[in-house]
Protein backbone atom coordinates (compact mmCIF):
# COMPACT_ATOMS: atom_id res chain seq x y z
CA MET A 1 105.67 99.82 122.34
CA ALA A 2 103.91 101.73 119.55
CA LEU A 3 104.81 105.00 117.83
CA ILE A 4 101.78 107.19 117.16
CA VAL A 5 102.49 109.69 114.37
CA SER A 6 100.14 112.62 113.78
CA GLN A 7 100.63 116.24 112.70
CA SER A 8 97.49 117.52 114.38
CA GLY A 9 97.35 115.05 117.26
CA GLU A 10 93.58 114.92 116.76
CA THR A 11 93.09 112.44 113.90
CA ALA A 12 90.16 110.26 114.98
CA ASP A 13 91.24 106.87 113.65
CA THR A 14 94.80 107.33 114.94
CA LEU A 15 93.49 108.34 118.36
CA ALA A 16 91.11 105.37 118.46
CA CYS A 17 93.96 103.05 117.51
CA MET A 18 96.16 104.45 120.27
CA ARG A 19 93.43 104.02 122.87
CA GLU A 20 92.85 100.42 121.81
CA ILE A 21 96.55 99.66 121.99
CA GLN A 22 96.84 101.28 125.41
CA ALA A 23 93.87 99.24 126.65
CA ARG A 24 95.91 96.14 125.82
CA GLY A 25 98.73 97.34 128.03
CA ILE A 26 101.08 98.57 125.32
CA LYS A 27 103.06 101.76 125.86
CA CYS A 28 102.47 104.46 123.24
CA LEU A 29 104.83 107.27 122.28
CA GLY A 30 103.54 110.19 120.25
CA ILE A 31 105.41 111.99 117.48
CA ILE A 32 103.25 115.07 117.20
CA ASN A 33 103.50 118.59 115.83
CA THR A 34 100.59 120.32 117.57
CA VAL A 35 101.38 121.11 121.20
CA GLY A 36 98.66 120.18 123.71
CA SER A 37 96.68 118.03 121.25
CA THR A 38 94.67 115.01 122.40
CA ILE A 39 97.15 112.36 121.29
CA ALA A 40 100.02 114.32 122.84
CA ARG A 41 98.15 114.47 126.16
CA GLU A 42 97.05 110.83 126.21
CA ALA A 43 100.22 109.15 124.94
CA GLY A 44 102.57 107.75 127.54
CA GLY A 45 105.39 109.95 126.26
CA GLY A 46 106.93 111.13 123.04
CA VAL A 47 108.19 114.26 121.32
CA TYR A 48 106.91 117.38 119.64
CA VAL A 49 108.61 117.97 116.30
CA HIS A 50 108.05 121.75 116.67
CA ALA A 51 107.74 122.29 112.91
CA GLY A 52 105.49 125.27 113.54
CA PRO A 53 101.83 125.65 112.53
CA GLU A 54 100.82 123.86 109.32
CA ILE A 55 98.66 126.47 107.61
CA SER A 56 98.05 124.50 104.42
CA VAL A 57 95.86 121.41 104.51
CA ALA A 58 98.56 119.30 102.83
CA SER A 59 101.29 118.54 105.37
CA THR A 60 104.85 119.20 104.20
CA LYS A 61 107.29 120.36 106.86
CA ALA A 62 105.67 118.18 109.51
CA PHE A 63 106.19 115.13 107.30
CA THR A 64 109.91 115.87 106.98
CA SER A 65 110.25 116.63 110.69
CA GLN A 66 108.47 113.44 111.73
CA ILE A 67 110.80 111.35 109.58
CA ALA A 68 113.75 113.03 111.31
CA ALA A 69 112.21 112.40 114.74
CA MET A 70 111.64 108.71 114.02
CA LEU A 71 115.17 108.38 112.69
CA MET A 72 116.57 109.93 115.87
CA PHE A 73 114.44 107.56 117.92
CA GLY A 74 115.85 104.62 115.96
CA ILE A 75 119.39 105.88 116.52
CA GLN A 76 118.76 106.11 120.27
CA ILE A 77 117.44 102.53 120.34
CA ALA A 78 120.46 101.33 118.37
CA GLN A 79 122.87 103.09 120.70
CA SER A 80 121.12 101.69 123.78
CA LYS A 81 121.81 98.22 122.41
CA SER A 82 125.53 99.01 122.51
CA LEU A 83 126.00 98.80 118.76
CA ASN A 84 129.24 100.06 117.30
CA PRO A 85 129.01 103.89 117.18
CA ARG A 86 130.23 103.76 113.59
CA ASP A 87 126.92 102.09 112.65
CA THR A 88 124.98 105.24 113.54
CA ALA A 89 127.60 107.95 112.99
CA ALA A 90 126.77 108.43 109.30
CA TYR A 91 123.07 108.95 110.07
CA ILE A 92 123.88 111.51 112.78
CA GLU A 93 126.25 113.38 110.47
CA GLU A 94 123.70 113.54 107.67
CA LEU A 95 120.92 114.65 110.05
CA ALA A 96 123.13 117.55 111.10
CA MET A 97 123.61 118.52 107.44
CA MET A 98 119.93 118.18 106.54
CA PRO A 99 118.76 121.79 107.18
CA SER A 100 121.52 123.33 105.08
CA GLU A 101 121.06 120.74 102.32
CA ILE A 102 117.32 121.46 102.11
CA ASP A 103 118.03 125.20 102.08
CA LYS A 104 120.54 124.75 99.26
CA LEU A 105 118.06 122.64 97.30
CA LEU A 106 115.32 125.26 97.62
CA LYS A 107 117.63 128.03 96.47
CA ASN A 108 119.09 126.08 93.54
CA GLN A 109 116.08 124.20 92.22
CA ALA A 110 112.89 126.14 92.92
CA GLU A 111 112.87 128.15 89.67
CA ASN A 112 113.88 125.12 87.60
CA ILE A 113 111.09 123.00 89.09
CA LYS A 114 108.63 125.84 88.48
CA LYS A 115 109.45 125.73 84.76
CA ILE A 116 109.20 121.92 84.69
CA ALA A 117 105.83 122.04 86.46
CA LYS A 118 104.33 124.24 83.73
CA LYS A 119 105.32 121.59 81.19
CA TYR A 120 103.43 118.81 82.98
CA ALA A 121 100.49 120.73 84.43
CA ARG A 122 98.27 119.76 81.47
CA HIS A 123 98.39 116.05 82.35
CA GLU A 124 95.49 114.53 84.28
CA HIS A 125 97.31 111.38 85.42
CA ALA A 126 100.69 110.62 86.97
CA ILE A 127 102.63 107.55 88.09
CA TYR A 128 105.25 107.88 90.84
CA LEU A 129 107.93 105.20 91.09
CA GLY A 130 110.81 104.21 93.32
CA ARG A 131 112.67 101.22 94.72
CA ASP A 132 113.51 100.43 98.36
CA THR A 133 113.37 103.64 100.44
CA SER A 134 112.37 105.55 97.32
CA TYR A 135 109.05 103.69 97.16
CA PRO A 136 107.49 105.37 100.24
CA VAL A 137 108.89 108.64 98.90
CA ALA A 138 107.01 107.96 95.66
CA LEU A 139 103.81 107.31 97.62
CA GLU A 140 104.15 110.63 99.45
CA GLY A 141 104.90 112.49 96.22
CA ALA A 142 101.83 111.06 94.53
CA LEU A 143 99.66 111.90 97.53
CA LYS A 144 100.76 115.54 97.57
CA LEU A 145 100.10 115.98 93.86
CA LYS A 146 96.73 114.27 94.15
CA GLU A 147 95.66 116.34 97.17
CA ILE A 148 96.29 119.80 95.83
CA SER A 149 96.38 119.61 92.02
CA TYR A 150 93.55 117.03 91.59
CA VAL A 151 95.76 115.08 89.18
CA ASP A 152 95.06 111.34 89.43
CA ALA A 153 98.47 110.36 90.86
CA ASN A 154 99.47 106.99 92.30
CA GLY A 155 102.73 105.60 93.65
CA TYR A 156 104.08 102.14 92.84
CA PRO A 157 107.20 100.13 93.69
CA ALA A 158 109.30 100.22 90.52
CA GLY A 159 109.91 96.48 90.76
CA GLU A 160 106.17 95.95 90.20
CA LEU A 161 106.08 98.09 87.06
CA LYS A 162 105.59 95.20 84.64
CA HIS A 163 102.97 93.60 86.87
CA GLY A 164 100.38 96.21 85.93
CA PRO A 165 101.27 99.91 86.03
CA ILE A 166 103.19 99.75 82.75
CA SER A 167 99.86 99.28 80.96
CA LEU A 168 98.86 102.81 81.95
CA ILE A 169 101.68 104.57 80.12
CA SER A 170 100.23 106.89 77.49
CA ASP A 171 100.19 110.55 76.49
CA GLY A 172 97.71 111.30 79.28
CA TYR A 173 100.25 110.29 81.92
CA PHE A 174 103.60 111.53 83.12
CA GLU A 175 105.93 109.44 85.28
CA VAL A 176 107.97 110.74 88.22
CA PHE A 177 110.79 108.31 88.95
CA ASN A 178 112.99 108.61 92.04
CA ILE A 179 116.38 107.12 91.11
CA PRO A 180 119.05 107.60 93.77
CA GLU A 181 122.66 106.54 93.35
CA GLY A 182 123.19 103.12 94.92
CA ASP A 183 122.91 99.36 94.54
CA LEU A 184 119.52 99.52 92.81
CA PHE A 185 120.45 102.21 90.29
CA GLU A 186 120.82 99.82 87.33
CA LYS A 187 117.53 98.07 88.08
CA SER A 188 115.78 101.44 88.18
CA ILE A 189 117.37 102.42 84.86
CA SER A 190 116.02 99.18 83.39
CA ASN A 191 112.51 100.23 84.49
CA LEU A 192 113.07 103.70 83.05
CA THR A 193 114.13 102.22 79.70
CA GLU A 194 110.89 100.22 79.59
CA ILE A 195 108.85 103.38 80.16
CA ASN A 196 110.78 105.41 77.59
CA ALA A 197 110.33 102.65 75.00
CA ARG A 198 106.56 103.04 75.39
CA GLY A 199 106.55 106.79 74.88
CA GLY A 200 106.43 107.75 78.54
CA HIS A 201 106.82 111.34 79.71
CA THR A 202 109.44 110.70 82.36
CA VAL A 203 110.59 113.06 85.07
CA VAL A 204 113.62 111.60 86.85
CA ILE A 205 114.73 112.88 90.23
CA THR A 206 118.29 111.77 90.95
CA ASN A 207 121.47 112.53 92.84
CA SER A 208 123.57 110.42 90.48
CA ALA A 209 126.23 111.82 88.18
CA ARG A 210 125.72 108.94 85.76
CA LYS A 211 124.08 109.43 82.38
CA ILE A 212 120.31 109.01 82.41
CA GLU A 213 117.94 109.12 79.44
CA ALA A 214 114.65 110.80 80.33
CA GLU A 215 112.33 113.52 79.04
CA THR A 216 113.18 115.66 82.08
CA ILE A 217 115.86 115.25 84.73
CA ILE A 218 115.95 117.03 88.08
CA LYS A 219 119.46 116.57 89.43
CA ILE A 220 120.09 117.06 93.13
CA ASN A 221 123.59 118.11 94.10
CA THR A 222 123.95 116.95 97.69
CA LYS A 223 126.42 115.47 100.15
CA LEU A 224 123.66 113.30 101.60
CA LYS A 225 123.55 109.61 100.76
CA LEU A 226 121.57 107.72 103.42
CA LEU A 227 119.07 110.55 103.82
CA ALA A 228 118.92 111.70 100.21
CA PRO A 229 115.31 110.38 99.90
CA ILE A 230 114.20 113.26 102.13
CA LEU A 231 115.57 115.71 99.56
CA PHE A 232 113.85 113.79 96.79
CA ASN A 233 110.59 114.35 98.64
CA VAL A 234 111.24 118.09 98.92
CA VAL A 235 111.60 118.16 95.13
CA GLN A 236 108.26 116.33 94.82
CA GLN A 237 106.62 118.83 97.16
CA LEU A 238 107.85 121.70 95.01
CA LEU A 239 106.69 119.94 91.86
CA ALA A 240 103.20 119.42 93.32
CA TYR A 241 103.07 123.03 94.47
CA TYR A 242 104.03 124.55 91.14
CA ILE A 243 101.80 122.21 89.12
CA THR A 244 98.90 123.24 91.34
CA VAL A 245 99.66 126.92 90.85
CA ALA A 246 99.93 126.40 87.08
CA ARG A 247 96.50 124.71 87.08
CA GLY A 248 94.98 127.63 88.98
CA ASN A 249 94.02 125.70 92.11
CA ASP A 250 94.07 126.86 95.73
CA VAL A 251 97.23 125.29 97.13
CA ASP A 252 96.39 125.92 100.79
CA GLN A 253 92.74 124.88 100.81
CA PRO A 254 92.14 122.01 98.35
CA ARG A 255 88.53 120.99 97.87
CA ASN A 256 86.91 118.38 100.10
CA LEU A 257 89.89 118.13 102.48
CA ALA A 258 90.23 119.14 106.11
CA LYS A 259 93.40 119.81 108.08
CA SER A 260 92.39 117.55 110.94
CA VAL A 261 90.25 114.46 110.22
CA THR A 262 88.10 114.11 113.33
CA VAL A 263 85.75 111.39 112.08
CA GLU A 264 86.49 107.72 111.40
């Protein structure tokens, strides 16, 4: 079985991939936002995330909704295997809290992030970092900034910092570091110390109450633990948005991009 994830349901390479997989006898399930799209029609089943129309080229709410949909799918698979309900209970509880936690974050942090964005809007380069589940969050944060602000932003696993990316640290760069509370906190702080020692302009996003040394800290007050990375990504989306506004770019229609990529 394959999960086919697409906001538009029309992306050419994703559609071609699905058709090739289906030709080999593999069942495909679509996780789609756009009702009635080609992938939704041709997939063997699946769900609509019903995030509503994505007006802007850069996908935001659909990304969050698709993560939630895939998580719910994983929970259903786990439960069908007769795992102990306690193994999935925490995920279900946090999913239920997610809308209110995102709403609280937007109300409490939007103005603060707007001020922070003005401080870093002059930079032409950015490095996004994270460990474990925070690494894909870093990749998504870098992509959003790159798409709409035209800042040269790239995401890296923090554990690979000294294998190359650390050589880039200079006044032309700022570094966004996702550091959640957890088992890898100390290792992430070690990376952060290395960056600070080289004059980095660090922006740390964290839900930890522990002391952190950084140029800028965005602290998330949340009850979420397992799903906190989703909130970290919302912060990154806001940061990309406000940096783009500060640079005078069109947030909704960035140059050279299309909402639905219909060519391979």
